[in-house]
Amino acid sequence: MRKNLTGALLQLALLVIGIPVVYLVAVPFGLTAKSLLPPLGLLAGLIVGGVMVKKTDQPVSGPLTGWLVFGVVMALALVL
């Protein structure tokens, strides 16, 4: 499979999987700082993934970095 297609599918998977996870984690807490971490983590993961694709010549490294950012923020939201 081409690297560009793999990178695009990883980015799309982050969006498709991230939205339900954000709702599952954020909604039970109500509107608090803890509930705002998952949506901000998803947004940050998507932005970092897009920036990394532009900065490097490897289209797969961007979405993987986006997944890493999203995972770290989700872990932080669950720990707090």
PDB file of N, CA and C in Angstrom:
ATOM      1  N   MET A   1       0.838  -1.167   0.000  1.00  0.00           N
ATOM      2  CA  MET A   1       0.000   0.000   0.000  1.00  0.00           C
ATOM      3  C   MET A   1       0.894   1.245   0.000  1.00  0.00           C
ATOM      4  N   ARG A   2       0.460   2.266  -0.679  1.00  0.00           N
ATOM      5  CA  ARG A   2       1.258   3.490  -0.763  1.00  0.00           C
ATOM      6  C   ARG A   2       1.292   4.202   0.581  1.00  0.00           C
ATOM      7  N   LYS A   3       2.410   4.882   0.845  1.00  0.00           N
ATOM      8  CA  LYS A   3       2.581   5.565   2.125  1.00  0.00           C
ATOM      9  C   LYS A   3       1.547   6.671   2.320  1.00  0.00           C
ATOM     10  N   ASN A   4       1.219   7.389   1.256  1.00  0.00           N
ATOM     11  CA  ASN A   4       0.245   8.473   1.382  1.00  0.00           C
ATOM     12  C   ASN A   4      -1.121   7.930   1.791  1.00  0.00           C
ATOM     13  N   LEU A   5      -1.510   6.810   1.193  1.00  0.00           N
ATOM     14  CA  LEU A   5      -2.802   6.210   1.517  1.00  0.00           C
ATOM     15  C   LEU A   5      -2.798   5.676   2.949  1.00  0.00           C
ATOM     16  N   THR A   6      -1.704   5.083   3.366  1.00  0.00           N
ATOM     17  CA  THR A   6      -1.601   4.581   4.731  1.00  0.00           C
ATOM     18  C   THR A   6      -1.702   5.720   5.737  1.00  0.00           C
ATOM     19  N   GLY A   7      -1.006   6.812   5.470  1.00  0.00           N
ATOM     20  CA  GLY A   7      -1.067   7.977   6.350  1.00  0.00           C
ATOM     21  C   GLY A   7      -2.464   8.565   6.426  1.00  0.00           C
ATOM     22  N   ALA A   8      -3.135   8.642   5.294  1.00  0.00           N
ATOM     23  CA  ALA A   8      -4.498   9.177   5.279  1.00  0.00           C
ATOM     24  C   ALA A   8      -5.458   8.263   6.036  1.00  0.00           C
ATOM     25  N   LEU A   9      -5.293   6.963   5.897  1.00  0.00           N
ATOM     26  CA  LEU A   9      -6.154   6.026   6.621  1.00  0.00           C
ATOM     27  C   LEU A   9      -5.901   6.078   8.125  1.00  0.00           C
ATOM     28  N   LEU A  10      -4.654   6.261   8.527  1.00  0.00           N
ATOM     29  CA  LEU A  10      -4.354   6.395   9.955  1.00  0.00           C
ATOM     30  C   LEU A  10      -4.966   7.670  10.528  1.00  0.00           C
ATOM     31  N   GLN A  11      -4.915   8.748   9.762  1.00  0.00           N
ATOM     32  CA  GLN A  11      -5.504  10.018  10.207  1.00  0.00           C
ATOM     33  C   GLN A  11      -7.024   9.891  10.301  1.00  0.00           C
ATOM     34  N   LEU A  12      -7.631   9.247   9.319  1.00  0.00           N
ATOM     35  CA  LEU A  12      -9.075   9.033   9.337  1.00  0.00           C
ATOM     36  C   LEU A  12      -9.472   8.123  10.494  1.00  0.00           C
ATOM     37  N   ALA A  13      -8.670   7.106  10.766  1.00  0.00           N
ATOM     38  CA  ALA A  13      -8.961   6.209  11.887  1.00  0.00           C
ATOM     39  C   ALA A  13      -8.895   6.954  13.212  1.00  0.00           C
ATOM     40  N   LEU A  14      -7.968   7.893  13.344  1.00  0.00           N
ATOM     41  CA  LEU A  14      -7.894   8.697  14.558  1.00  0.00           C
ATOM     42  C   LEU A  14      -9.182   9.488  14.754  1.00  0.00           C
ATOM     43  N   LEU A  15      -9.706  10.028  13.689  1.00  0.00           N
ATOM     44  CA  LEU A  15     -10.942  10.796  13.779  1.00  0.00           C
ATOM     45  C   LEU A  15     -12.135   9.894  14.070  1.00  0.00           C
ATOM     46  N   VAL A  16     -12.233   8.785  13.366  1.00  0.00           N
ATOM     47  CA  VAL A  16     -13.386   7.887  13.510  1.00  0.00           C
ATOM     48  C   VAL A  16     -13.397   7.207  14.886  1.00  0.00           C
ATOM     49  N   ILE A  17     -12.245   6.821  15.382  1.00  0.00           N
ATOM     50  CA  ILE A  17     -12.170   6.170  16.684  1.00  0.00           C
ATOM     51  C   ILE A  17     -12.150   7.201  17.808  1.00  0.00           C
ATOM     52  N   GLY A  18     -11.537   8.339  17.549  1.00  0.00           N
ATOM     53  CA  GLY A  18     -11.387   9.354  18.593  1.00  0.00           C
ATOM     54  C   GLY A  18     -12.685   9.992  19.035  1.00  0.00           C
ATOM     55  N   ILE A  19     -13.615  10.236  18.112  1.00  0.00           N
ATOM     56  CA  ILE A  19     -14.859  10.912  18.478  1.00  0.00           C
ATOM     57  C   ILE A  19     -15.690  10.089  19.466  1.00  0.00           C
ATOM     58  N   PRO A  20     -15.950   8.804  19.224  1.00  0.00           N
ATOM     59  CA  PRO A  20     -16.698   8.048  20.243  1.00  0.00           C
ATOM     60  C   PRO A  20     -15.959   7.923  21.581  1.00  0.00           C
ATOM     61  N   VAL A  21     -14.646   7.790  21.532  1.00  0.00           N
ATOM     62  CA  VAL A  21     -13.875   7.698  22.770  1.00  0.00           C
ATOM     63  C   VAL A  21     -13.986   9.000  23.555  1.00  0.00           C
ATOM     64  N   VAL A  22     -13.941  10.124  22.856  1.00  0.00           N
ATOM     65  CA  VAL A  22     -14.083  11.415  23.516  1.00  0.00           C
ATOM     66  C   VAL A  22     -15.430  11.502  24.220  1.00  0.00           C
ATOM     67  N   TYR A  23     -16.491  11.080  23.545  1.00  0.00           N
ATOM     68  CA  TYR A  23     -17.808  11.125  24.174  1.00  0.00           C
ATOM     69  C   TYR A  23     -17.904  10.181  25.364  1.00  0.00           C
ATOM     70  N   LEU A  24     -17.331   9.003  25.261  1.00  0.00           N
ATOM     71  CA  LEU A  24     -17.394   8.041  26.362  1.00  0.00           C
ATOM     72  C   LEU A  24     -16.646   8.536  27.601  1.00  0.00           C
ATOM     73  N   VAL A  25     -15.561   9.253  27.389  1.00  0.00           N
ATOM     74  CA  VAL A  25     -14.760   9.717  28.521  1.00  0.00           C
ATOM     75  C   VAL A  25     -15.246  11.070  29.032  1.00  0.00           C
ATOM     76  N   ALA A  26     -15.615  11.976  28.137  1.00  0.00           N
ATOM     77  CA  ALA A  26     -15.904  13.350  28.540  1.00  0.00           C
ATOM     78  C   ALA A  26     -17.315  13.545  29.078  1.00  0.00           C
ATOM     79  N   VAL A  27     -18.310  12.900  28.520  1.00  0.00           N
ATOM     80  CA  VAL A  27     -19.699  13.173  28.878  1.00  0.00           C
ATOM     81  C   VAL A  27     -20.026  12.832  30.334  1.00  0.00           C
ATOM     82  N   PRO A  28     -19.562  11.711  30.888  1.00  0.00           N
ATOM     83  CA  PRO A  28     -19.944  11.403  32.280  1.00  0.00           C
ATOM     84  C   PRO A  28     -19.459  12.428  33.311  1.00  0.00           C
ATOM     85  N   PHE A  29     -18.438  13.213  32.996  1.00  0.00           N
ATOM     86  CA  PHE A  29     -17.888  14.153  33.966  1.00  0.00           C
ATOM     87  C   PHE A  29     -18.603  15.496  33.969  1.00  0.00           C
ATOM     88  N   GLY A  30     -19.481  15.755  33.020  1.00  0.00           N
ATOM     89  CA  GLY A  30     -20.093  17.077  32.923  1.00  0.00           C
ATOM     90  C   GLY A  30     -19.099  18.050  32.324  1.00  0.00           C
ATOM     91  N   LEU A  31     -19.360  19.320  32.461  1.00  0.00           N
ATOM     92  CA  LEU A  31     -18.491  20.339  31.880  1.00  0.00           C
ATOM     93  C   LEU A  31     -17.465  20.779  32.919  1.00  0.00           C
ATOM     94  N   THR A  32     -16.351  20.098  32.917  1.00  0.00           N
ATOM     95  CA  THR A  32     -15.244  20.420  33.822  1.00  0.00           C
ATOM     96  C   THR A  32     -13.963  20.471  33.001  1.00  0.00           C
ATOM     97  N   ALA A  33     -12.887  20.848  33.675  1.00  0.00           N
ATOM     98  CA  ALA A  33     -11.593  20.860  32.990  1.00  0.00           C
ATOM     99  C   ALA A  33     -11.211  19.446  32.558  1.00  0.00           C
ATOM    100  N   LYS A  34     -11.586  18.462  33.375  1.00  0.00           N
ATOM    101  CA  LYS A  34     -11.274  17.074  33.040  1.00  0.00           C
ATOM    102  C   LYS A  34     -12.033  16.632  31.800  1.00  0.00           C
ATOM    103  N   SER A  35     -13.251  17.110  31.621  1.00  0.00           N
ATOM    104  CA  SER A  35     -14.041  16.711  30.459  1.00  0.00           C
ATOM    105  C   SER A  35     -13.586  17.414  29.183  1.00  0.00           C
ATOM    106  N   LEU A  36     -12.847  18.500  29.325  1.00  0.00           N
ATOM    107  CA  LEU A  36     -12.356  19.207  28.144  1.00  0.00           C
ATOM    108  C   LEU A  36     -11.048  18.630  27.612  1.00  0.00           C
ATOM    109  N   LEU A  37     -10.357  17.830  28.409  1.00  0.00           N
ATOM    110  CA  LEU A  37      -9.090  17.250  27.950  1.00  0.00           C
ATOM    111  C   LEU A  37      -9.248  16.321  26.742  1.00  0.00           C
ATOM    112  N   PRO A  38     -10.199  15.376  26.734  1.00  0.00           N
ATOM    113  CA  PRO A  38     -10.296  14.486  25.571  1.00  0.00           C
ATOM    114  C   PRO A  38     -10.577  15.195  24.240  1.00  0.00           C
ATOM    115  N   PRO A  39     -11.524  16.149  24.164  1.00  0.00           N
ATOM    116  CA  PRO A  39     -11.707  16.821  22.870  1.00  0.00           C
ATOM    117  C   PRO A  39     -10.492  17.641  22.452  1.00  0.00           C
ATOM    118  N   LEU A  40      -9.844  18.263  23.430  1.00  0.00           N
ATOM    119  CA  LEU A  40      -8.637  19.022  23.096  1.00  0.00           C
ATOM    120  C   LEU A  40      -7.507  18.096  22.668  1.00  0.00           C
ATOM    121  N   GLY A  41      -7.443  16.909  23.264  1.00  0.00           N
ATOM    122  CA  GLY A  41      -6.437  15.925  22.864  1.00  0.00           C
ATOM    123  C   GLY A  41      -6.653  15.424  21.448  1.00  0.00           C
ATOM    124  N   LEU A  42      -7.925  15.209  21.091  1.00  0.00           N
ATOM    125  CA  LEU A  42      -8.232  14.785  19.725  1.00  0.00           C
ATOM    126  C   LEU A  42      -7.861  15.880  18.734  1.00  0.00           C
ATOM    127  N   LEU A  43      -8.224  17.103  19.059  1.00  0.00           N
ATOM    128  CA  LEU A  43      -7.886  18.224  18.175  1.00  0.00           C
ATOM    129  C   LEU A  43      -6.375  18.387  18.062  1.00  0.00           C
ATOM    130  N   ALA A  44      -5.683  18.292  19.195  1.00  0.00           N
ATOM    131  CA  ALA A  44      -4.219  18.414  19.172  1.00  0.00           C
ATOM    132  C   ALA A  44      -3.587  17.282  18.373  1.00  0.00           C
ATOM    133  N   GLY A  45      -4.113  16.063  18.511  1.00  0.00           N
ATOM    134  CA  GLY A  45      -3.580  14.944  17.750  1.00  0.00           C
ATOM    135  C   GLY A  45      -3.747  15.127  16.251  1.00  0.00           C
ATOM    136  N   LEU A  46      -4.910  15.633  15.851  1.00  0.00           N
ATOM    137  CA  LEU A  46      -5.139  15.873  14.426  1.00  0.00           C
ATOM    138  C   LEU A  46      -4.239  16.982  13.890  1.00  0.00           C
ATOM    139  N   ILE A  47      -4.068  18.035  14.676  1.00  0.00           N
ATOM    140  CA  ILE A  47      -3.219  19.155  14.234  1.00  0.00           C
ATOM    141  C   ILE A  47      -1.756  18.730  14.178  1.00  0.00           C
ATOM    142  N   VAL A  48      -1.291  18.055  15.221  1.00  0.00           N
ATOM    143  CA  VAL A  48       0.107  17.606  15.236  1.00  0.00           C
ATOM    144  C   VAL A  48       0.366  16.628  14.094  1.00  0.00           C
ATOM    145  N   GLY A  49      -0.588  15.737  13.840  1.00  0.00           N
ATOM    146  CA  GLY A  49      -0.435  14.797  12.724  1.00  0.00           C
ATOM    147  C   GLY A  49      -0.315  15.517  11.392  1.00  0.00           C
ATOM    148  N   GLY A  50      -1.135  16.530  11.186  1.00  0.00           N
ATOM    149  CA  GLY A  50      -1.070  17.297   9.943  1.00  0.00           C
ATOM    150  C   GLY A  50       0.219  18.078   9.803  1.00  0.00           C
ATOM    151  N   VAL A  51       0.681  18.666  10.888  1.00  0.00           N
ATOM    152  CA  VAL A  51       1.931  19.438  10.850  1.00  0.00           C
ATOM    153  C   VAL A  51       3.117  18.523  10.603  1.00  0.00           C
ATOM    154  N   MET A  52       3.124  17.355  11.243  1.00  0.00           N
ATOM    155  CA  MET A  52       4.236  16.425  11.064  1.00  0.00           C
ATOM    156  C   MET A  52       4.316  15.903   9.629  1.00  0.00           C
ATOM    157  N   VAL A  53       3.169  15.716   8.988  1.00  0.00           N
ATOM    158  CA  VAL A  53       3.182  15.257   7.593  1.00  0.00           C
ATOM    159  C   VAL A  53       3.823  16.316   6.711  1.00  0.00           C
ATOM    160  N   LYS A  54       3.522  17.589   6.983  1.00  0.00           N
ATOM    161  CA  LYS A  54       4.102  18.670   6.173  1.00  0.00           C
ATOM    162  C   LYS A  54       5.596  18.831   6.421  1.00  0.00           C
ATOM    163  N   LYS A  55       6.048  18.601   7.655  1.00  0.00           N
ATOM    164  CA  LYS A  55       7.450  18.832   7.996  1.00  0.00           C
ATOM    165  C   LYS A  55       8.368  17.697   7.578  1.00  0.00           C
ATOM    166  N   THR A  56       7.845  16.483   7.514  1.00  0.00           N
ATOM    167  CA  THR A  56       8.687  15.335   7.159  1.00  0.00           C
ATOM    168  C   THR A  56       8.257  14.798   5.798  1.00  0.00           C
ATOM    169  N   ASP A  57       9.112  13.991   5.233  1.00  0.00           N
ATOM    170  CA  ASP A  57       8.789  13.353   3.957  1.00  0.00           C
ATOM    171  C   ASP A  57       8.165  11.981   4.154  1.00  0.00           C
ATOM    172  N   GLN A  58       7.869  11.631   5.395  1.00  0.00           N
ATOM    173  CA  GLN A  58       7.282  10.336   5.694  1.00  0.00           C
ATOM    174  C   GLN A  58       5.829  10.548   6.121  1.00  0.00           C
ATOM    175  N   PRO A  59       4.870  10.250   5.251  1.00  0.00           N
ATOM    176  CA  PRO A  59       3.480  10.540   5.563  1.00  0.00           C
ATOM    177  C   PRO A  59       2.884   9.696   6.684  1.00  0.00           C
ATOM    178  N   VAL A  60       3.524   8.615   7.064  1.00  0.00           N
ATOM    179  CA  VAL A  60       2.981   7.763   8.132  1.00  0.00           C
ATOM    180  C   VAL A  60       3.378   8.290   9.509  1.00  0.00           C
ATOM    181  N   SER A  61       4.494   9.002   9.610  1.00  0.00           N
ATOM    182  CA  SER A  61       4.960   9.465  10.918  1.00  0.00           C
ATOM    183  C   SER A  61       4.023  10.510  11.519  1.00  0.00           C
ATOM    184  N   GLY A  62       3.378  11.310  10.712  1.00  0.00           N
ATOM    185  CA  GLY A  62       2.462  12.331  11.224  1.00  0.00           C
ATOM    186  C   GLY A  62       1.270  11.745  11.951  1.00  0.00           C
ATOM    187  N   PRO A  63       0.490  10.868  11.307  1.00  0.00           N
ATOM    188  CA  PRO A  63      -0.648  10.274  12.010  1.00  0.00           C
ATOM    189  C   PRO A  63      -0.252   9.444  13.230  1.00  0.00           C
ATOM    190  N   LEU A  64       0.881   8.773  13.174  1.00  0.00           N
ATOM    191  CA  LEU A  64       1.320   8.011  14.344  1.00  0.00           C
ATOM    192  C   LEU A  64       1.635   8.949  15.510  1.00  0.00           C
ATOM    193  N   THR A  65       2.229  10.099  15.217  1.00  0.00           N
ATOM    194  CA  THR A  65       2.480  11.092  16.249  1.00  0.00           C
ATOM    195  C   THR A  65       1.163  11.649  16.781  1.00  0.00           C
ATOM    196  N   GLY A  66       0.188  11.843  15.898  1.00  0.00           N
ATOM    197  CA  GLY A  66      -1.134  12.287  16.326  1.00  0.00           C
ATOM    198  C   GLY A  66      -1.789  11.289  17.259  1.00  0.00           C
ATOM    199  N   TRP A  67      -1.672   9.996  16.938  1.00  0.00           N
ATOM    200  CA  TRP A  67      -2.201   8.953  17.817  1.00  0.00           C
ATOM    201  C   TRP A  67      -1.509   8.997  19.172  1.00  0.00           C
ATOM    202  N   LEU A  68      -0.207   9.226  19.174  1.00  0.00           N
ATOM    203  CA  LEU A  68       0.552   9.293  20.423  1.00  0.00           C
ATOM    204  C   LEU A  68       0.079  10.464  21.281  1.00  0.00           C
ATOM    205  N   VAL A  69      -0.104  11.631  20.678  1.00  0.00           N
ATOM    206  CA  VAL A  69      -0.581  12.803  21.416  1.00  0.00           C
ATOM    207  C   VAL A  69      -1.967  12.530  21.991  1.00  0.00           C
ATOM    208  N   PHE A  70      -2.858  11.962  21.190  1.00  0.00           N
ATOM    209  CA  PHE A  70      -4.206  11.656  21.648  1.00  0.00           C
ATOM    210  C   PHE A  70      -4.169  10.650  22.796  1.00  0.00           C
ATOM    211  N   GLY A  71      -3.352   9.631  22.685  1.00  0.00           N
ATOM    212  CA  GLY A  71      -3.239   8.632  23.741  1.00  0.00           C
ATOM    213  C   GLY A  71      -2.720   9.200  25.044  1.00  0.00           C
ATOM    214  N   VAL A  72      -1.744  10.086  24.955  1.00  0.00           N
ATOM    215  CA  VAL A  72      -1.182  10.707  26.160  1.00  0.00           C
ATOM    216  C   VAL A  72      -2.220  11.584  26.854  1.00  0.00           C
ATOM    217  N   VAL A  73      -2.959  12.367  26.071  1.00  0.00           N
ATOM    218  CA  VAL A  73      -3.977  13.238  26.673  1.00  0.00           C
ATOM    219  C   VAL A  73      -5.112  12.401  27.264  1.00  0.00           C
ATOM    220  N   MET A  74      -5.500  11.305  26.608  1.00  0.00           N
ATOM    221  CA  MET A  74      -6.547  10.448  27.152  1.00  0.00           C
ATOM    222  C   MET A  74      -6.087   9.807  28.467  1.00  0.00           C
ATOM    223  N   ALA A  75      -4.838   9.378  28.526  1.00  0.00           N
ATOM    224  CA  ALA A  75      -4.306   8.813  29.764  1.00  0.00           C
ATOM    225  C   ALA A  75      -4.298   9.859  30.861  1.00  0.00           C
ATOM    226  N   LEU A  76      -3.918  11.082  30.512  1.00  0.00           N
ATOM    227  CA  LEU A  76      -3.923  12.167  31.483  1.00  0.00           C
ATOM    228  C   LEU A  76      -5.328  12.450  31.990  1.00  0.00           C
ATOM    229  N   ALA A  77      -6.315  12.423  31.100  1.00  0.00           N
ATOM    230  CA  ALA A  77      -7.705  12.663  31.497  1.00  0.00           C
ATOM    231  C   ALA A  77      -8.203  11.566  32.422  1.00  0.00           C
ATOM    232  N   LEU A  78      -7.793  10.336  32.194  1.00  0.00           N
ATOM    233  CA  LEU A  78      -8.251   9.239  33.036  1.00  0.00           C
ATOM    234  C   LEU A  78      -7.542   9.216  34.388  1.00  0.00           C
ATOM    235  N   VAL A  79      -6.316   9.703  34.436  1.00  0.00           N
ATOM    236  CA  VAL A  79      -5.542   9.705  35.680  1.00  0.00           C
ATOM    237  C   VAL A  79      -5.991  10.841  36.608  1.00  0.00           C
ATOM    238  N   LEU A  80      -6.306  11.984  36.042  1.00  0.00           N
ATOM    239  CA  LEU A  80      -6.678  13.141  36.881  1.00  0.00           C
ATOM    240  C   LEU A  80      -7.941  12.920  37.625  1.00  0.00           C
TER     241      LEU A  80
END
